[in-house]
């Protein structure tokens, strides 16, 4: 799978760990920054990774900031991006099964690295259920 990954300064260490985990699992990972813990602005990096998903250059995205919320808000500005902040197994699975989420967002200050990796595995492997959810997801792409 082609995965776009990005973070701000707060999420940088976790992004690096997730990037390594994804590469070891055989995924093609494109890193859109940040490239250090030096202060940076999450919208700049979220925009680059979300654009890669929007344009089909990546199948999924992974974004990490302090809370996960800022990155999620920034990514969801793209019409065909469905980003979700993941806190637990339920979020990871249902964001895929019911919402066809294509970007996973994590808060580096609220969840540990091992748990994030586990939730990311669930997110990447869960299918979209389609059916009654398909029409709803299509409506998301057409919201003003």
N, C-alpha and C. Protein backbone atom coordinates (compact mmCIF):
# COMPACT_ATOMS: atom_id res chain seq x y z
N UNK A 1 0.85 -1.17 0.00
CA UNK A 1 0.00 0.00 0.00
C UNK A 1 0.90 1.24 0.00
N UNK A 2 0.48 2.28 -0.72
CA UNK A 2 1.20 3.56 -0.74
C UNK A 2 0.62 4.45 0.36
N UNK A 3 1.49 4.88 1.27
CA UNK A 3 1.02 5.63 2.43
C UNK A 3 1.76 6.96 2.54
N UNK A 4 0.99 8.04 2.60
CA UNK A 4 1.53 9.37 2.84
C UNK A 4 1.55 9.59 4.35
N UNK A 5 2.67 10.07 4.87
CA UNK A 5 2.78 10.29 6.31
C UNK A 5 3.33 11.68 6.56
N UNK A 6 2.83 12.31 7.62
CA UNK A 6 3.31 13.65 7.97
C UNK A 6 3.05 13.91 9.45
N UNK A 7 3.76 14.89 9.97
CA UNK A 7 3.59 15.30 11.36
C UNK A 7 4.02 16.75 11.51
N UNK A 8 3.77 17.28 12.68
CA UNK A 8 4.40 18.54 13.06
C UNK A 8 5.52 18.19 14.02
N UNK A 9 6.09 19.17 14.69
CA UNK A 9 7.20 18.93 15.61
C UNK A 9 6.81 18.00 16.77
N UNK A 10 5.59 18.17 17.27
CA UNK A 10 5.16 17.34 18.41
C UNK A 10 5.00 15.88 18.02
N UNK A 11 4.60 15.64 16.80
CA UNK A 11 4.39 14.28 16.34
C UNK A 11 5.58 13.64 15.66
N UNK A 12 6.67 14.41 15.49
CA UNK A 12 7.82 13.91 14.74
C UNK A 12 8.37 12.57 15.25
N UNK A 13 8.66 12.41 16.54
CA UNK A 13 9.20 11.11 16.98
C UNK A 13 8.24 9.95 16.69
N UNK A 14 6.95 10.15 16.91
CA UNK A 14 5.99 9.08 16.63
C UNK A 14 5.90 8.81 15.13
N UNK A 15 5.93 9.85 14.33
CA UNK A 15 5.89 9.67 12.87
C UNK A 15 7.06 8.82 12.41
N UNK A 16 8.24 9.10 12.94
CA UNK A 16 9.42 8.33 12.55
C UNK A 16 9.27 6.85 12.91
N UNK A 17 8.72 6.58 14.08
CA UNK A 17 8.50 5.20 14.50
C UNK A 17 7.46 4.52 13.61
N UNK A 18 6.37 5.22 13.29
CA UNK A 18 5.33 4.65 12.42
C UNK A 18 5.85 4.44 11.00
N UNK A 19 6.65 5.37 10.53
CA UNK A 19 7.23 5.25 9.19
C UNK A 19 8.08 3.99 9.10
N UNK A 20 8.89 3.76 10.12
CA UNK A 20 9.73 2.56 10.16
C UNK A 20 8.87 1.30 10.21
N UNK A 21 7.84 1.31 11.03
CA UNK A 21 6.94 0.17 11.15
C UNK A 21 6.27 -0.14 9.80
N UNK A 22 5.79 0.89 9.14
CA UNK A 22 5.12 0.71 7.85
C UNK A 22 6.07 0.19 6.79
N UNK A 23 7.28 0.72 6.74
CA UNK A 23 8.27 0.27 5.77
C UNK A 23 8.63 -1.19 6.00
N UNK A 24 8.81 -1.57 7.26
CA UNK A 24 9.13 -2.97 7.58
C UNK A 24 8.01 -3.91 7.20
N UNK A 25 6.78 -3.40 7.20
CA UNK A 25 5.62 -4.22 6.81
C UNK A 25 5.44 -4.28 5.30
N UNK A 26 6.32 -3.60 4.56
CA UNK A 26 6.29 -3.68 3.11
C UNK A 26 5.51 -2.57 2.41
N UNK A 27 5.08 -1.57 3.15
CA UNK A 27 4.36 -0.46 2.53
C UNK A 27 5.34 0.53 1.91
N UNK A 28 4.89 1.20 0.88
CA UNK A 28 5.66 2.29 0.26
C UNK A 28 5.26 3.58 0.99
N UNK A 29 6.20 4.20 1.68
CA UNK A 29 5.89 5.34 2.53
C UNK A 29 6.51 6.61 1.95
N UNK A 30 5.67 7.64 1.78
CA UNK A 30 6.13 8.96 1.35
C UNK A 30 6.03 9.91 2.54
N UNK A 31 7.16 10.45 2.96
CA UNK A 31 7.23 11.32 4.13
C UNK A 31 7.15 12.78 3.69
N UNK A 32 6.11 13.47 4.15
CA UNK A 32 5.88 14.87 3.79
C UNK A 32 6.30 15.84 4.90
N UNK A 33 7.10 15.37 5.87
CA UNK A 33 7.57 16.24 6.95
C UNK A 33 6.67 16.12 8.16
N UNK A 34 7.01 16.80 9.18
CA UNK A 34 8.20 17.58 9.48
C UNK A 34 9.41 16.64 9.56
N UNK A 35 10.57 17.28 9.54
CA UNK A 35 11.79 16.49 9.53
C UNK A 35 12.64 16.69 10.78
N UNK A 36 12.03 17.27 11.82
CA UNK A 36 12.73 17.44 13.10
C UNK A 36 11.70 17.85 14.17
N UNK A 37 12.19 18.00 15.38
CA UNK A 37 11.33 18.46 16.47
C UNK A 37 11.33 19.98 16.58
N UNK A 38 11.96 20.66 15.64
CA UNK A 38 11.93 22.13 15.62
C UNK A 38 10.50 22.59 15.35
N UNK A 39 10.04 23.60 16.06
CA UNK A 39 8.67 24.09 15.94
C UNK A 39 8.25 24.24 14.48
N UNK A 40 7.04 23.73 14.20
CA UNK A 40 6.50 23.80 12.84
C UNK A 40 4.98 23.89 12.92
N UNK A 41 4.35 24.17 11.81
CA UNK A 41 2.91 24.34 11.75
C UNK A 41 2.24 23.15 11.07
N UNK A 42 1.40 22.44 11.82
CA UNK A 42 0.77 21.22 11.32
C UNK A 42 0.00 21.39 10.01
N UNK A 43 -0.69 22.53 9.75
CA UNK A 43 -1.43 22.61 8.48
C UNK A 43 -0.55 22.48 7.24
N UNK A 44 0.69 22.96 7.34
CA UNK A 44 1.60 22.88 6.19
C UNK A 44 1.86 21.44 5.78
N UNK A 45 2.05 20.56 6.75
CA UNK A 45 2.37 19.17 6.46
C UNK A 45 1.12 18.34 6.19
N UNK A 46 0.04 18.63 6.90
CA UNK A 46 -1.22 17.93 6.65
C UNK A 46 -1.67 18.15 5.21
N UNK A 47 -1.52 19.37 4.73
CA UNK A 47 -1.92 19.72 3.36
C UNK A 47 -1.17 18.87 2.34
N UNK A 48 0.12 18.70 2.51
CA UNK A 48 0.92 17.93 1.56
C UNK A 48 0.51 16.46 1.52
N UNK A 49 0.33 15.87 2.70
CA UNK A 49 -0.04 14.45 2.75
C UNK A 49 -1.47 14.24 2.28
N UNK A 50 -2.39 15.12 2.68
CA UNK A 50 -3.79 15.00 2.26
C UNK A 50 -3.92 15.16 0.75
N UNK A 51 -3.14 16.06 0.16
CA UNK A 51 -3.16 16.23 -1.29
C UNK A 51 -2.72 14.96 -2.00
N UNK A 52 -1.74 14.26 -1.43
CA UNK A 52 -1.29 13.00 -2.03
C UNK A 52 -2.40 11.96 -2.03
N UNK A 53 -3.20 11.91 -0.96
CA UNK A 53 -4.33 10.98 -0.90
C UNK A 53 -5.42 11.44 -1.87
N UNK A 54 -5.73 12.72 -1.84
CA UNK A 54 -6.76 13.29 -2.71
C UNK A 54 -6.47 13.01 -4.19
N UNK A 55 -5.22 13.15 -4.58
CA UNK A 55 -4.81 13.01 -5.98
C UNK A 55 -4.51 11.57 -6.38
N UNK A 56 -4.62 10.63 -5.44
CA UNK A 56 -4.39 9.23 -5.76
C UNK A 56 -2.93 8.83 -5.78
N UNK A 57 -2.04 9.68 -5.31
CA UNK A 57 -0.63 9.33 -5.23
C UNK A 57 -0.34 8.47 -4.01
N UNK A 58 -1.31 8.42 -3.09
CA UNK A 58 -1.22 7.57 -1.90
C UNK A 58 -2.58 6.93 -1.67
N UNK A 59 -2.56 5.69 -1.20
CA UNK A 59 -3.80 4.97 -0.91
C UNK A 59 -4.38 5.39 0.43
N UNK A 60 -3.51 5.66 1.38
CA UNK A 60 -3.92 6.06 2.73
C UNK A 60 -2.94 7.10 3.25
N UNK A 61 -3.36 7.78 4.30
CA UNK A 61 -2.50 8.75 4.95
C UNK A 61 -2.44 8.52 6.43
N UNK A 62 -1.35 8.97 7.04
CA UNK A 62 -1.15 8.92 8.49
C UNK A 62 -0.62 10.28 8.91
N UNK A 63 -1.32 10.92 9.84
CA UNK A 63 -0.93 12.25 10.32
C UNK A 63 -0.79 12.23 11.83
N UNK A 64 0.24 12.90 12.34
CA UNK A 64 0.49 12.93 13.78
C UNK A 64 0.83 14.35 14.22
N UNK A 65 0.10 14.84 15.20
CA UNK A 65 0.43 16.11 15.86
C UNK A 65 0.23 15.88 17.35
N UNK A 66 0.22 16.92 18.13
CA UNK A 66 0.08 16.76 19.58
C UNK A 66 -1.19 16.04 19.98
N UNK A 67 -2.32 16.48 19.43
CA UNK A 67 -3.62 15.89 19.77
C UNK A 67 -4.21 15.03 18.66
N UNK A 68 -3.74 15.21 17.43
CA UNK A 68 -4.35 14.56 16.27
C UNK A 68 -5.48 15.38 15.69
N UNK A 69 -6.02 16.28 16.45
CA UNK A 69 -7.21 17.03 16.03
C UNK A 69 -6.88 18.06 14.95
N UNK A 70 -5.82 18.83 15.14
CA UNK A 70 -5.47 19.85 14.15
C UNK A 70 -5.18 19.24 12.79
N UNK A 71 -4.42 18.16 12.78
CA UNK A 71 -4.11 17.48 11.52
C UNK A 71 -5.39 16.97 10.87
N UNK A 72 -6.29 16.44 11.68
CA UNK A 72 -7.55 15.91 11.16
C UNK A 72 -8.39 17.01 10.52
N UNK A 73 -8.50 18.14 11.19
CA UNK A 73 -9.26 19.26 10.64
C UNK A 73 -8.66 19.71 9.31
N UNK A 74 -7.34 19.85 9.27
CA UNK A 74 -6.67 20.29 8.04
C UNK A 74 -6.89 19.29 6.90
N UNK A 75 -6.75 18.01 7.18
CA UNK A 75 -6.90 17.00 6.13
C UNK A 75 -8.32 16.93 5.59
N UNK A 76 -9.30 17.11 6.46
CA UNK A 76 -10.70 17.00 6.03
C UNK A 76 -11.17 18.17 5.18
N UNK A 77 -10.33 19.13 4.93
CA UNK A 77 -10.67 20.22 4.01
C UNK A 77 -10.62 19.75 2.56
N UNK A 78 -10.02 18.60 2.31
CA UNK A 78 -9.93 18.04 0.97
C UNK A 78 -11.16 17.17 0.72
N UNK A 79 -11.90 17.41 -0.37
CA UNK A 79 -13.18 16.74 -0.60
C UNK A 79 -13.17 15.20 -0.56
N UNK A 80 -12.09 14.58 -1.00
CA UNK A 80 -12.08 13.12 -1.05
C UNK A 80 -11.22 12.50 0.05
N UNK A 81 -10.88 13.31 1.03
CA UNK A 81 -10.15 12.81 2.20
C UNK A 81 -11.15 12.67 3.34
N UNK A 82 -11.09 11.51 3.99
CA UNK A 82 -11.92 11.25 5.15
C UNK A 82 -10.97 10.86 6.28
N UNK A 83 -10.62 11.87 7.07
CA UNK A 83 -9.65 11.68 8.15
C UNK A 83 -10.37 11.48 9.47
N UNK A 84 -9.80 10.64 10.32
CA UNK A 84 -10.38 10.37 11.63
C UNK A 84 -9.27 10.29 12.67
N UNK A 85 -9.52 10.89 13.83
CA UNK A 85 -8.60 10.75 14.96
C UNK A 85 -8.92 9.41 15.62
N UNK A 86 -7.89 8.60 15.78
CA UNK A 86 -8.07 7.26 16.33
C UNK A 86 -7.55 7.20 17.76
N UNK A 87 -8.43 6.76 18.68
CA UNK A 87 -8.06 6.64 20.09
C UNK A 87 -8.06 5.20 20.56
N UNK A 88 -8.84 4.34 19.88
CA UNK A 88 -8.99 2.96 20.35
C UNK A 88 -9.34 2.05 19.17
N UNK A 89 -9.47 0.76 19.46
CA UNK A 89 -9.76 -0.23 18.41
C UNK A 89 -11.06 0.07 17.69
N UNK A 90 -12.06 0.49 18.42
CA UNK A 90 -13.37 0.78 17.82
C UNK A 90 -13.24 1.89 16.79
N UNK A 91 -12.56 2.98 17.15
CA UNK A 91 -12.35 4.08 16.20
C UNK A 91 -11.61 3.59 14.95
N UNK A 92 -10.57 2.82 15.16
CA UNK A 92 -9.75 2.34 14.05
C UNK A 92 -10.55 1.48 13.08
N UNK A 93 -11.35 0.59 13.61
CA UNK A 93 -12.12 -0.31 12.75
C UNK A 93 -13.33 0.37 12.13
N UNK A 94 -14.10 1.08 12.94
CA UNK A 94 -15.35 1.64 12.43
C UNK A 94 -15.12 2.83 11.49
N UNK A 95 -14.03 3.56 11.67
CA UNK A 95 -13.74 4.65 10.74
C UNK A 95 -13.53 4.10 9.33
N UNK A 96 -13.02 2.90 9.23
CA UNK A 96 -12.85 2.24 7.93
C UNK A 96 -14.16 1.58 7.48
N UNK A 97 -14.76 0.77 8.34
CA UNK A 97 -15.92 -0.03 7.94
C UNK A 97 -17.13 0.82 7.57
N UNK A 98 -17.39 1.88 8.31
CA UNK A 98 -18.59 2.68 8.07
C UNK A 98 -18.33 3.98 7.33
N UNK A 99 -17.12 4.55 7.47
CA UNK A 99 -16.84 5.86 6.88
C UNK A 99 -15.81 5.82 5.76
N UNK A 100 -15.26 4.65 5.47
CA UNK A 100 -14.23 4.51 4.46
C UNK A 100 -13.12 5.55 4.66
N UNK A 101 -12.76 5.78 5.92
CA UNK A 101 -11.70 6.75 6.23
C UNK A 101 -10.43 6.34 5.50
N UNK A 102 -9.73 7.33 4.97
CA UNK A 102 -8.49 7.03 4.25
C UNK A 102 -7.27 7.73 4.88
N UNK A 103 -7.50 8.45 5.96
CA UNK A 103 -6.39 9.07 6.69
C UNK A 103 -6.59 8.83 8.19
N UNK A 104 -5.58 8.26 8.82
CA UNK A 104 -5.59 8.03 10.26
C UNK A 104 -4.80 9.14 10.94
N UNK A 105 -5.38 9.76 11.96
CA UNK A 105 -4.72 10.83 12.70
C UNK A 105 -4.50 10.39 14.15
N UNK A 106 -3.34 10.74 14.67
CA UNK A 106 -2.99 10.34 16.03
C UNK A 106 -2.46 11.52 16.82
N UNK A 107 -2.73 11.51 18.11
CA UNK A 107 -2.21 12.51 19.03
C UNK A 107 -1.02 11.96 19.78
N UNK A 108 0.15 12.47 19.48
CA UNK A 108 1.37 11.98 20.12
C UNK A 108 1.40 12.24 21.62
N UNK A 109 0.61 13.20 22.07
CA UNK A 109 0.59 13.53 23.50
C UNK A 109 -0.52 12.79 24.24
N UNK A 110 -1.30 11.99 23.51
CA UNK A 110 -2.43 11.33 24.17
C UNK A 110 -2.45 9.81 24.02
N UNK A 111 -1.55 9.27 23.21
CA UNK A 111 -1.53 7.82 23.00
C UNK A 111 -0.08 7.39 22.80
N UNK A 112 0.27 6.23 23.32
CA UNK A 112 1.67 5.82 23.21
C UNK A 112 1.95 5.16 21.86
N UNK A 113 3.22 5.07 21.57
CA UNK A 113 3.70 4.60 20.27
C UNK A 113 3.25 3.16 19.96
N UNK A 114 3.31 2.27 20.93
CA UNK A 114 2.92 0.88 20.69
C UNK A 114 1.43 0.77 20.37
N UNK A 115 0.61 1.52 21.11
CA UNK A 115 -0.83 1.50 20.86
C UNK A 115 -1.15 2.10 19.50
N UNK A 116 -0.45 3.16 19.14
CA UNK A 116 -0.65 3.79 17.84
C UNK A 116 -0.36 2.79 16.72
N UNK A 117 0.72 2.07 16.84
CA UNK A 117 1.06 1.07 15.82
C UNK A 117 0.00 -0.01 15.71
N UNK A 118 -0.53 -0.44 16.83
CA UNK A 118 -1.57 -1.46 16.83
C UNK A 118 -2.84 -0.94 16.15
N UNK A 119 -3.22 0.30 16.48
CA UNK A 119 -4.42 0.90 15.88
C UNK A 119 -4.23 1.13 14.39
N UNK A 120 -3.03 1.50 14.01
CA UNK A 120 -2.75 1.71 12.59
C UNK A 120 -2.89 0.39 11.82
N UNK A 121 -2.42 -0.70 12.39
CA UNK A 121 -2.59 -2.01 11.74
C UNK A 121 -4.06 -2.34 11.53
N UNK A 122 -4.88 -2.08 12.54
CA UNK A 122 -6.32 -2.33 12.42
C UNK A 122 -6.90 -1.47 11.32
N UNK A 123 -6.55 -0.18 11.32
CA UNK A 123 -7.04 0.77 10.32
C UNK A 123 -6.67 0.32 8.90
N UNK A 124 -5.44 -0.09 8.71
CA UNK A 124 -4.99 -0.46 7.36
C UNK A 124 -5.60 -1.76 6.87
N UNK A 125 -6.00 -2.63 7.77
CA UNK A 125 -6.52 -3.94 7.38
C UNK A 125 -8.05 -4.04 7.37
N UNK A 126 -8.72 -3.09 7.97
CA UNK A 126 -10.19 -3.15 8.02
C UNK A 126 -10.77 -2.76 6.67
N UNK A 127 -11.75 -3.52 6.19
CA UNK A 127 -12.38 -3.18 4.91
C UNK A 127 -13.48 -2.14 5.08
N UNK A 128 -13.87 -1.53 3.99
CA UNK A 128 -15.05 -0.68 3.98
C UNK A 128 -16.24 -1.60 3.73
N UNK A 129 -17.29 -1.48 4.55
CA UNK A 129 -18.46 -2.35 4.42
C UNK A 129 -19.32 -2.04 3.21
N UNK A 130 -19.24 -0.81 2.71
CA UNK A 130 -20.07 -0.44 1.56
C UNK A 130 -21.54 -0.49 1.93
N UNK A 131 -22.37 -0.98 1.03
CA UNK A 131 -23.80 -1.13 1.29
C UNK A 131 -24.44 0.18 1.71
N UNK A 132 -25.15 0.15 2.82
CA UNK A 132 -25.88 1.33 3.28
C UNK A 132 -24.97 2.50 3.60
N UNK A 133 -23.68 2.24 3.80
CA UNK A 133 -22.72 3.30 4.14
C UNK A 133 -22.21 4.03 2.90
N UNK A 134 -22.29 3.38 1.75
CA UNK A 134 -21.71 3.93 0.53
C UNK A 134 -22.31 5.28 0.14
N UNK A 135 -23.63 5.39 0.17
CA UNK A 135 -24.28 6.64 -0.18
C UNK A 135 -23.91 7.77 0.76
N UNK A 136 -23.78 7.44 2.03
CA UNK A 136 -23.38 8.44 3.03
C UNK A 136 -21.98 8.96 2.78
N UNK A 137 -21.08 8.06 2.45
CA UNK A 137 -19.71 8.46 2.18
C UNK A 137 -19.65 9.33 0.92
N UNK A 138 -20.45 9.00 -0.08
CA UNK A 138 -20.49 9.83 -1.30
C UNK A 138 -20.99 11.23 -0.98
N UNK A 139 -21.93 11.35 -0.08
CA UNK A 139 -22.42 12.67 0.33
C UNK A 139 -21.33 13.49 0.99
N UNK A 140 -20.44 12.84 1.74
CA UNK A 140 -19.33 13.55 2.37
C UNK A 140 -18.45 14.24 1.33
N UNK A 141 -18.27 13.60 0.20
CA UNK A 141 -17.42 14.15 -0.86
C UNK A 141 -18.06 15.36 -1.54
N UNK A 142 -19.35 15.54 -1.36
CA UNK A 142 -20.05 16.64 -2.04
C UNK A 142 -20.45 17.76 -1.10
N UNK A 143 -20.08 17.71 0.15
CA UNK A 143 -20.44 18.76 1.10
C UNK A 143 -19.75 20.06 0.68
N UNK A 144 -20.42 21.20 0.91
CA UNK A 144 -19.79 22.48 0.52
C UNK A 144 -18.59 22.81 1.36
